[in-house]
C-alpha atoms as a PDB file:
ATOM      1  CA  MET A   1      53.751 149.392  95.220  1.00  0.00           C
ATOM      2  CA  SER A   2      54.520 145.853  96.448  1.00  0.00           C
ATOM      3  CA  ASN A   3      53.045 142.667  95.178  1.00  0.00           C
ATOM      4  CA  PRO A   4      50.604 141.361  97.877  1.00  0.00           C
ATOM      5  CA  GLU A   5      51.392 137.754  97.076  1.00  0.00           C
ATOM      6  CA  LEU A   6      55.129 138.404  97.555  1.00  0.00           C
ATOM      7  CA  GLN A   7      54.410 140.152 100.831  1.00  0.00           C
ATOM      8  CA  ASP A   8      52.388 137.170 102.016  1.00  0.00           C
ATOM      9  CA  ARG A   9      55.156 134.728 101.014  1.00  0.00           C
ATOM     10  CA  PHE A  10      57.704 136.936 102.731  1.00  0.00           C
ATOM     11  CA  PHE A  11      55.797 136.990 106.047  1.00  0.00           C
ATOM     12  CA  ASN A  12      55.147 133.259 105.868  1.00  0.00           C
ATOM     13  CA  MET A  13      58.870 132.617 105.404  1.00  0.00           C
ATOM     14  CA  MET A  14      59.733 134.881 108.320  1.00  0.00           C
ATOM     15  CA  GLN A  15      57.255 132.960 110.489  1.00  0.00           C
ATOM     16  CA  SER A  16      58.755 129.668 109.309  1.00  0.00           C
ATOM     17  CA  PHE A  17      62.211 130.683 110.450  1.00  0.00           C
ATOM     18  CA  HIS A  18      60.838 131.851 113.742  1.00  0.00           C
ATOM     19  CA  ARG A  19      59.160 128.458 114.280  1.00  0.00           C
ATOM     20  CA  LEU A  20      62.383 126.438 113.822  1.00  0.00           C
ATOM     21  CA  HIS A  21      63.041 124.500 116.991  1.00  0.00           C
ATOM     22  CA  PHE A  22      66.676 125.346 117.671  1.00  0.00           C
ATOM     23  CA  ASP A  23      66.046 124.309 121.264  1.00  0.00           C
ATOM     24  CA  ARG A  24      66.360 120.696 120.068  1.00  0.00           C
ATOM     25  CA  LEU A  25      70.097 121.404 119.828  1.00  0.00           C
ATOM     26  CA  PHE A  26      70.336 122.308 123.505  1.00  0.00           C
ATOM     27  CA  THR A  27      67.839 120.628 125.770  1.00  0.00           C
ATOM     28  CA  SER A  28      69.302 121.689 129.151  1.00  0.00           C
ATOM     29  CA  ILE A  29      68.622 125.412 128.616  1.00  0.00           C
ATOM     30  CA  SER A  30      66.232 127.628 126.722  1.00  0.00           C
ATOM     31  CA  LYS A  31      67.020 129.220 123.369  1.00  0.00           C
ATOM     32  CA  MET A  32      67.405 132.640 124.992  1.00  0.00           C
ATOM     33  CA  GLU A  33      69.669 131.197 127.680  1.00  0.00           C
ATOM     34  CA  PHE A  34      71.825 129.789 124.944  1.00  0.00           C
ATOM     35  CA  PHE A  35      72.058 133.171 123.303  1.00  0.00           C
ATOM     36  CA  ALA A  36      72.916 134.765 126.662  1.00  0.00           C
ATOM     37  CA  LEU A  37      75.674 132.225 127.266  1.00  0.00           C
ATOM     38  CA  ARG A  38      76.956 132.793 123.734  1.00  0.00           C
ATOM     39  CA  SER A  39      76.878 136.547 124.247  1.00  0.00           C
ATOM     40  CA  LEU A  40      78.750 136.274 127.562  1.00  0.00           C
ATOM     41  CA  CYS A  41      81.464 134.240 125.858  1.00  0.00           C
ATOM     42  CA  ALA A  42      81.677 136.788 123.010  1.00  0.00           C
ATOM     43  CA  LEU A  43      81.951 139.659 125.480  1.00  0.00           C
ATOM     44  CA  HIS A  44      84.647 137.811 127.430  1.00  0.00           C
ATOM     45  CA  TYR A  45      86.740 137.105 124.340  1.00  0.00           C
ATOM     46  CA  LYS A  46      86.157 140.615 123.000  1.00  0.00           C
ATOM     47  CA  SER A  47      87.596 142.147 126.153  1.00  0.00           C
ATOM     48  CA  LYS A  48      90.713 139.962 125.846  1.00  0.00           C
ATOM     49  CA  SER A  49      91.429 140.411 129.524  1.00  0.00           C
ATOM     50  CA  ASP A  50      90.041 139.970 132.973  1.00  0.00           C
ATOM     51  CA  THR A  51      87.813 142.997 132.448  1.00  0.00           C
ATOM     52  CA  PRO A  52      84.534 142.281 134.249  1.00  0.00           C
ATOM     53  CA  ILE A  53      81.365 141.817 132.250  1.00  0.00           C
ATOM     54  CA  TYR A  54      78.480 143.827 133.593  1.00  0.00           C
ATOM     55  CA  VAL A  55      74.782 143.142 133.272  1.00  0.00           C
ATOM     56  CA  SER A  56      74.552 146.444 131.308  1.00  0.00           C
ATOM     57  CA  ASP A  57      77.131 145.063 128.818  1.00  0.00           C
ATOM     58  CA  LEU A  58      74.984 141.985 128.206  1.00  0.00           C
ATOM     59  CA  THR A  59      71.854 144.097 127.888  1.00  0.00           C
ATOM     60  CA  LYS A  60      73.463 146.244 125.182  1.00  0.00           C
ATOM     61  CA  HIS A  61      74.973 143.238 123.397  1.00  0.00           C
ATOM     62  CA  MET A  62      71.706 141.294 123.260  1.00  0.00           C
ATOM     63  CA  HIS A  63      69.478 144.340 122.580  1.00  0.00           C
ATOM     64  CA  LEU A  64      67.042 143.292 125.332  1.00  0.00           C
ATOM     65  CA  PHE A  65      65.367 145.118 128.207  1.00  0.00           C
ATOM     66  CA  PRO A  66      67.068 144.855 131.599  1.00  0.00           C
ATOM     67  CA  SER A  67      64.084 142.942 132.989  1.00  0.00           C
ATOM     68  CA  ALA A  68      64.461 140.278 130.293  1.00  0.00           C
ATOM     69  CA  ILE A  69      68.174 139.975 130.946  1.00  0.00           C
ATOM     70  CA  SER A  70      67.511 139.698 134.656  1.00  0.00           C
ATOM     71  CA  ARG A  71      65.141 136.740 134.067  1.00  0.00           C
ATOM     72  CA  LEU A  72      67.698 135.033 131.804  1.00  0.00           C
ATOM     73  CA  LEU A  73      70.481 135.477 134.327  1.00  0.00           C
ATOM     74  CA  LYS A  74      68.280 134.219 137.160  1.00  0.00           C
ATOM     75  CA  GLY A  75      67.677 131.006 135.220  1.00  0.00           C
ATOM     76  CA  LEU A  76      71.358 130.536 134.324  1.00  0.00           C
ATOM     77  CA  GLU A  77      72.396 131.266 137.882  1.00  0.00           C
ATOM     78  CA  SER A  78      69.896 128.766 139.342  1.00  0.00           C
ATOM     79  CA  LYS A  79      71.379 126.127 137.016  1.00  0.00           C
ATOM     80  CA  GLY A  80      74.911 126.915 138.173  1.00  0.00           C
ATOM     81  CA  TYR A  81      76.175 128.292 134.848  1.00  0.00           C
ATOM     82  CA  ILE A  82      76.898 131.842 136.046  1.00  0.00           C
ATOM     83  CA  VAL A  83      77.435 133.837 139.231  1.00  0.00           C
ATOM     84  CA  ARG A  84      76.479 137.417 139.772  1.00  0.00           C
ATOM     85  CA  GLU A  85      78.172 139.686 142.211  1.00  0.00           C
ATOM     86  CA  VAL A  86      78.002 143.327 143.090  1.00  0.00           C
ATOM     87  CA  ASP A  87      80.936 145.357 141.732  1.00  0.00           C
ATOM     88  CA  PRO A  88      82.997 146.359 144.773  1.00  0.00           C
ATOM     89  CA  ASN A  89      84.097 149.549 143.007  1.00  0.00           C
ATOM     90  CA  ASN A  90      80.534 150.621 142.145  1.00  0.00           C
ATOM     91  CA  ARG A  91      77.751 148.920 144.035  1.00  0.00           C
ATOM     92  CA  ARG A  92      75.202 149.974 141.417  1.00  0.00           C
ATOM     93  CA  ASN A  93      76.781 147.557 138.890  1.00  0.00           C
ATOM     94  CA  THR A  94      76.519 143.789 138.841  1.00  0.00           C
ATOM     95  CA  ILE A  95      79.312 141.639 137.411  1.00  0.00           C
ATOM     96  CA  ILE A  96      78.509 138.373 135.593  1.00  0.00           C
ATOM     97  CA  GLN A  97      80.969 135.478 135.518  1.00  0.00           C
ATOM     98  CA  LEU A  98      80.588 132.123 133.865  1.00  0.00           C
ATOM     99  CA  THR A  99      81.254 129.200 136.169  1.00  0.00           C
ATOM    100  CA  GLN A 100      83.440 126.350 134.880  1.00  0.00           C
ATOM    101  CA  GLU A 101      80.238 124.407 134.308  1.00  0.00           C
ATOM    102  CA  GLY A 102      78.878 127.380 132.318  1.00  0.00           C
ATOM    103  CA  GLU A 103      82.045 127.597 130.220  1.00  0.00           C
ATOM    104  CA  ASP A 104      81.962 123.878 129.531  1.00  0.00           C
ATOM    105  CA  LEU A 105      78.291 123.993 128.559  1.00  0.00           C
ATOM    106  CA  ALA A 106      78.821 127.047 126.319  1.00  0.00           C
ATOM    107  CA  LYS A 107      81.677 125.254 124.521  1.00  0.00           C
ATOM    108  CA  GLN A 108      79.633 122.076 124.138  1.00  0.00           C
ATOM    109  CA  LEU A 109      76.598 123.939 122.788  1.00  0.00           C
ATOM    110  CA  GLN A 110      78.659 126.106 120.480  1.00  0.00           C
ATOM    111  CA  ASP A 111      80.258 122.945 119.028  1.00  0.00           C
ATOM    112  CA  ARG A 112      76.811 121.409 118.557  1.00  0.00           C
ATOM    113  CA  MET A 113      75.521 124.568 116.863  1.00  0.00           C
ATOM    114  CA  GLN A 114      78.590 124.663 114.626  1.00  0.00           C
ATOM    115  CA  THR A 115      78.025 121.036 113.584  1.00  0.00           C
ATOM    116  CA  TYR A 116      74.387 121.854 112.796  1.00  0.00           C
ATOM    117  CA  VAL A 117      75.295 124.886 110.695  1.00  0.00           C
ATOM    118  CA  ASP A 118      78.029 122.910 108.894  1.00  0.00           C
ATOM    119  CA  GLN A 119      75.456 120.256 107.986  1.00  0.00           C
ATOM    120  CA  VAL A 120      73.022 122.889 106.711  1.00  0.00           C
ATOM    121  CA  PHE A 121      75.730 124.635 104.676  1.00  0.00           C
ATOM    122  CA  GLU A 122      76.769 121.314 103.096  1.00  0.00           C
ATOM    123  CA  LYS A 123      73.266 121.157 101.550  1.00  0.00           C
ATOM    124  CA  MET A 124      73.691 124.626 100.041  1.00  0.00           C
ATOM    125  CA  GLU A 125      76.220 125.765  97.443  1.00  0.00           C
ATOM    126  CA  ASP A 126      78.621 128.478  98.504  1.00  0.00           C
ATOM    127  CA  LYS A 127      77.390 130.811  95.789  1.00  0.00           C
ATOM    128  CA  ASP A 128      73.797 130.366  96.994  1.00  0.00           C
ATOM    129  CA  MET A 129      74.801 131.133 100.563  1.00  0.00           C
ATOM    130  CA  GLU A 130      76.725 134.218  99.448  1.00  0.00           C
ATOM    131  CA  GLU A 131      73.686 135.423  97.526  1.00  0.00           C
ATOM    132  CA  LEU A 132      71.388 134.660 100.459  1.00  0.00           C
ATOM    133  CA  LEU A 133      73.607 136.602 102.847  1.00  0.00           C
ATOM    134  CA  ARG A 134      73.949 139.514 100.451  1.00  0.00           C
ATOM    135  CA  LEU A 135      70.179 139.763  99.967  1.00  0.00           C
ATOM    136  CA  SER A 136      69.468 139.206 103.660  1.00  0.00           C
ATOM    137  CA  ASN A 137      71.776 142.085 104.567  1.00  0.00           C
ATOM    138  CA  LYS A 138      70.155 144.273 101.936  1.00  0.00           C
ATOM    139  CA  LEU A 139      66.697 143.365 103.267  1.00  0.00           C
ATOM    140  CA  PHE A 140      67.728 143.989 106.852  1.00  0.00           C
ATOM    141  CA  THR A 141      69.123 147.434 105.942  1.00  0.00           C
ATOM    142  CA  CYS A 142      65.916 148.345 104.070  1.00  0.00           C
ATOM    143  CA  MET A 143      63.737 147.176 106.956  1.00  0.00           C
ATOM    144  CA  GLN A 144      65.855 149.019 109.529  1.00  0.00           C
ATOM    145  CA  GLU A 145      65.813 152.243 107.500  1.00  0.00           C
ATOM    146  CA  GLU A 146      62.045 152.022 107.154  1.00  0.00           C
ATOM    147  CA  LEU A 147      61.554 151.314 110.876  1.00  0.00           C
ATOM    148  CA  ASP A 148      63.709 154.334 111.679  1.00  0.00           C
ATOM    149  CA  THR A 149      61.170 156.571 109.952  1.00  0.00           C
ATOM    150  CA  TYR A 150      58.605 155.508 112.605  1.00  0.00           C
ATOM    151  CA  LYS A 151      60.512 157.115 115.486  1.00  0.00           C
END
């Protein structure tokens, strides 16, 4: 049986992390648009070629519903950071490409995020970060295993 006070402190901490305003690091796009740009870059570098990136690839990578991805892409497209086009080989698929402006923004924002993380890590000792990561991974695994029992 769990300690109710610990449970309360745990949920308060989870809410505190959720309330962090990462959007202060990137004012021209939303937090989710940032994660979409970051995911597109990761998918591009992962393929290591000119393999097209499909909307379905991004949906899987971000673990979001297609409707949520569609809204994100619409926003990024209206700002000129991506283009979407129908796959000429399979008209049911949509290809996503970063524009040069999108690539430049993604690089700028990734550098800004890296600087932020570096500054945070400087305030923590390496051994503390290692322990935090170890325990966070353990907690995540326990939470995932428990959620899987609710299927």
